[in-house]
N, C-alpha and C. Protein backbone atom coordinates (compact mmCIF):
# COMPACT_ATOMS: atom_id res chain seq x y z
N MET A 1 41.15 285.61 14.87
CA MET A 1 42.34 286.06 15.57
C MET A 1 43.34 286.64 14.57
N LYS A 2 43.97 287.71 15.01
CA LYS A 2 45.02 288.33 14.22
C LYS A 2 46.33 288.24 14.98
N ALA A 3 47.43 288.35 14.25
CA ALA A 3 48.76 288.31 14.86
C ALA A 3 49.31 289.72 14.98
N TYR A 4 49.93 290.01 16.12
CA TYR A 4 50.48 291.33 16.41
C TYR A 4 51.88 291.20 16.97
N VAL A 5 52.63 292.31 16.88
CA VAL A 5 53.93 292.41 17.55
C VAL A 5 54.00 293.81 18.16
N ALA A 6 54.49 293.86 19.39
CA ALA A 6 54.68 295.13 20.09
C ALA A 6 56.17 295.30 20.37
N THR A 7 56.70 296.49 20.08
CA THR A 7 58.10 296.80 20.37
C THR A 7 58.13 297.80 21.54
N PHE A 8 59.29 297.88 22.21
CA PHE A 8 59.38 298.63 23.45
C PHE A 8 60.66 299.44 23.55
N HIS A 9 60.60 300.51 24.36
CA HIS A 9 61.77 301.32 24.65
C HIS A 9 62.67 300.62 25.67
N THR A 10 62.07 299.76 26.53
CA THR A 10 62.85 299.07 27.56
C THR A 10 62.48 297.60 27.61
N HIS A 11 63.41 296.79 28.09
CA HIS A 11 63.14 295.37 28.27
C HIS A 11 62.05 295.16 29.33
N LEU A 12 62.06 296.01 30.36
CA LEU A 12 61.04 295.91 31.41
C LEU A 12 59.64 296.11 30.83
N GLY A 13 59.49 297.05 29.91
CA GLY A 13 58.18 297.27 29.27
C GLY A 13 57.70 296.04 28.54
N ALA A 14 58.62 295.37 27.85
CA ALA A 14 58.27 294.13 27.15
C ALA A 14 57.83 293.06 28.14
N LEU A 15 58.56 292.93 29.22
CA LEU A 15 58.24 291.93 30.23
C LEU A 15 56.89 292.21 30.90
N LEU A 16 56.63 293.46 31.24
CA LEU A 16 55.35 293.82 31.88
C LEU A 16 54.17 293.56 30.94
N THR A 17 54.35 293.88 29.67
CA THR A 17 53.28 293.63 28.69
C THR A 17 53.06 292.14 28.49
N TYR A 18 54.14 291.39 28.39
CA TYR A 18 54.04 289.93 28.25
C TYR A 18 53.23 289.35 29.41
N ARG A 19 53.55 289.76 30.62
CA ARG A 19 52.82 289.27 31.80
C ARG A 19 51.35 289.69 31.79
N ALA A 20 51.08 290.93 31.38
CA ALA A 20 49.69 291.42 31.33
C ALA A 20 48.88 290.63 30.30
N LEU A 21 49.48 290.34 29.16
CA LEU A 21 48.79 289.55 28.14
C LEU A 21 48.52 288.13 28.64
N GLN A 22 49.50 287.52 29.27
CA GLN A 22 49.31 286.18 29.81
C GLN A 22 48.21 286.16 30.87
N LYS A 23 48.20 287.16 31.74
CA LYS A 23 47.18 287.24 32.78
C LYS A 23 45.78 287.36 32.17
N ALA A 24 45.69 288.02 31.02
CA ALA A 24 44.42 288.17 30.31
C ALA A 24 44.10 286.95 29.44
N LYS A 25 44.91 285.89 29.58
CA LYS A 25 44.71 284.63 28.83
C LYS A 25 44.91 284.81 27.33
N ILE A 26 45.83 285.70 26.97
CA ILE A 26 46.18 285.92 25.56
C ILE A 26 47.54 285.29 25.32
N GLN A 27 47.60 284.43 24.32
CA GLN A 27 48.85 283.75 23.99
C GLN A 27 49.88 284.79 23.56
N ALA A 28 51.05 284.82 24.23
CA ALA A 28 52.10 285.79 23.93
C ALA A 28 53.46 285.13 24.04
N GLN A 29 54.43 285.74 23.34
CA GLN A 29 55.80 285.22 23.36
C GLN A 29 56.77 286.39 23.23
N MET A 30 57.77 286.45 24.11
CA MET A 30 58.83 287.44 23.99
C MET A 30 59.87 286.90 23.00
N ALA A 31 60.44 287.83 22.20
CA ALA A 31 61.40 287.41 21.18
C ALA A 31 62.25 288.61 20.76
N PRO A 32 63.34 288.36 20.03
CA PRO A 32 64.10 289.49 19.45
C PRO A 32 63.23 290.22 18.42
N VAL A 33 63.43 291.50 18.29
CA VAL A 33 62.65 292.30 17.34
C VAL A 33 63.03 291.93 15.90
N PRO A 34 62.03 291.75 15.02
CA PRO A 34 62.32 291.48 13.62
C PRO A 34 63.17 292.61 13.01
N ARG A 35 64.04 292.28 12.09
CA ARG A 35 64.95 293.27 11.49
C ARG A 35 64.21 294.41 10.80
N LYS A 36 63.01 294.15 10.29
CA LYS A 36 62.25 295.19 9.60
C LYS A 36 61.78 296.29 10.55
N LEU A 37 61.75 296.00 11.84
CA LEU A 37 61.28 296.96 12.84
C LEU A 37 62.44 297.41 13.70
N SER A 38 62.37 298.64 14.17
CA SER A 38 63.42 299.09 15.09
C SER A 38 62.87 299.05 16.51
N SER A 39 63.75 298.89 17.46
CA SER A 39 63.35 298.89 18.86
C SER A 39 64.53 299.32 19.71
N SER A 40 64.25 300.12 20.71
CA SER A 40 65.30 300.60 21.59
C SER A 40 65.94 299.47 22.38
N CYS A 41 65.12 298.52 22.83
CA CYS A 41 65.67 297.48 23.71
C CYS A 41 65.97 296.17 22.98
N GLY A 42 65.45 295.99 21.77
CA GLY A 42 65.73 294.77 21.03
C GLY A 42 64.81 293.61 21.35
N THR A 43 63.86 293.81 22.28
CA THR A 43 62.92 292.76 22.66
C THR A 43 61.51 293.17 22.26
N CYS A 44 60.76 292.22 21.75
CA CYS A 44 59.37 292.48 21.38
C CYS A 44 58.47 291.40 21.97
N VAL A 45 57.17 291.61 21.84
CA VAL A 45 56.20 290.61 22.27
C VAL A 45 55.28 290.31 21.08
N PHE A 46 55.25 289.07 20.67
CA PHE A 46 54.31 288.59 19.66
C PHE A 46 53.08 288.08 20.39
N PHE A 47 51.89 288.37 19.85
CA PHE A 47 50.68 287.84 20.46
C PHE A 47 49.58 287.73 19.42
N GLN A 48 48.60 286.88 19.73
CA GLN A 48 47.43 286.69 18.87
C GLN A 48 46.19 287.08 19.64
N SER A 49 45.36 287.91 19.01
CA SER A 49 44.16 288.40 19.67
C SER A 49 43.19 288.91 18.62
N SER A 50 41.98 289.24 19.05
CA SER A 50 41.01 289.81 18.12
C SER A 50 41.26 291.30 17.89
N GLY A 51 42.11 291.92 18.72
CA GLY A 51 42.45 293.33 18.56
C GLY A 51 43.84 293.60 19.10
N PRO A 52 44.34 294.84 18.95
CA PRO A 52 45.73 295.14 19.34
C PRO A 52 45.98 295.25 20.85
N GLU A 53 44.96 295.14 21.68
CA GLU A 53 45.11 295.11 23.15
C GLU A 53 45.93 296.27 23.70
N LEU A 54 45.68 297.47 23.20
CA LEU A 54 46.45 298.64 23.62
C LEU A 54 46.35 298.92 25.12
N ALA A 55 45.23 298.57 25.73
CA ALA A 55 45.04 298.80 27.17
C ALA A 55 46.00 297.95 28.01
N LEU A 56 46.52 296.88 27.44
CA LEU A 56 47.43 296.00 28.18
C LEU A 56 48.91 296.34 27.96
N MET A 57 49.18 297.31 27.11
CA MET A 57 50.56 297.67 26.81
C MET A 57 51.16 298.50 27.94
N ALA A 58 52.42 298.23 28.25
CA ALA A 58 53.16 299.01 29.25
C ALA A 58 53.42 300.41 28.68
N GLU A 59 53.69 301.36 29.56
CA GLU A 59 53.99 302.73 29.15
C GLU A 59 55.14 302.80 28.17
N GLU A 60 56.08 301.88 28.29
CA GLU A 60 57.29 301.89 27.47
C GLU A 60 57.10 301.33 26.06
N VAL A 61 55.84 301.08 25.67
CA VAL A 61 55.60 300.54 24.33
C VAL A 61 56.07 301.55 23.28
N GLU A 62 56.78 301.05 22.29
CA GLU A 62 57.29 301.90 21.21
C GLU A 62 56.31 301.88 20.04
N GLY A 63 55.84 300.68 19.67
CA GLY A 63 54.90 300.55 18.57
C GLY A 63 54.17 299.22 18.64
N VAL A 64 52.95 299.20 18.09
CA VAL A 64 52.18 297.97 17.98
C VAL A 64 51.83 297.80 16.51
N TYR A 65 52.13 296.62 15.99
CA TYR A 65 51.96 296.33 14.57
C TYR A 65 51.09 295.11 14.38
N GLU A 66 50.26 295.14 13.34
CA GLU A 66 49.54 293.94 12.92
C GLU A 66 50.42 293.24 11.89
N ILE A 67 50.59 291.94 12.05
CA ILE A 67 51.41 291.18 11.12
C ILE A 67 50.51 290.71 9.97
N GLN A 68 50.90 291.09 8.76
CA GLN A 68 50.16 290.71 7.56
C GLN A 68 51.13 290.03 6.60
N GLY A 69 51.21 288.72 6.71
CA GLY A 69 52.18 287.97 5.91
C GLY A 69 53.58 288.30 6.37
N SER A 70 54.39 288.88 5.48
CA SER A 70 55.75 289.27 5.86
C SER A 70 55.84 290.79 6.11
N GLU A 71 54.71 291.45 6.15
CA GLU A 71 54.67 292.90 6.37
C GLU A 71 54.11 293.23 7.75
N TYR A 72 54.44 294.44 8.22
CA TYR A 72 53.98 294.91 9.52
C TYR A 72 53.25 296.23 9.34
N LEU A 73 51.97 296.26 9.74
CA LEU A 73 51.14 297.46 9.61
C LEU A 73 51.12 298.16 10.97
N LEU A 74 51.68 299.37 11.03
CA LEU A 74 51.75 300.13 12.27
C LEU A 74 50.34 300.56 12.70
N LEU A 75 49.94 300.18 13.91
CA LEU A 75 48.63 300.54 14.45
C LEU A 75 48.72 301.60 15.53
N HIS A 76 49.84 301.62 16.26
CA HIS A 76 50.01 302.54 17.37
C HIS A 76 51.49 302.84 17.55
N GLN A 77 51.81 304.13 17.80
CA GLN A 77 53.22 304.49 18.01
C GLN A 77 53.33 305.52 19.12
N ASN A 78 54.28 305.30 20.04
CA ASN A 78 54.62 306.25 21.08
C ASN A 78 55.93 306.92 20.71
N ALA A 79 56.02 308.19 21.02
CA ALA A 79 57.26 308.95 20.71
C ALA A 79 58.38 308.55 21.64
């Protein structure tokens, strides 16, 4: 399992993704966005999975990052 964080343009996008991850039985948690990352809405979703679960992300996803220690590796970005 790897740790990921997804940031969003809207709070609704974060909430929809959180619910989709939970429905897929993936452990997830909504939280404030880490200072190292920017986010339009200030809310992110942390989750653990074998992959970045891009198919479960809401349209409003801003970026998906793999957490590597104290660093964040950008895996996916929406304009």
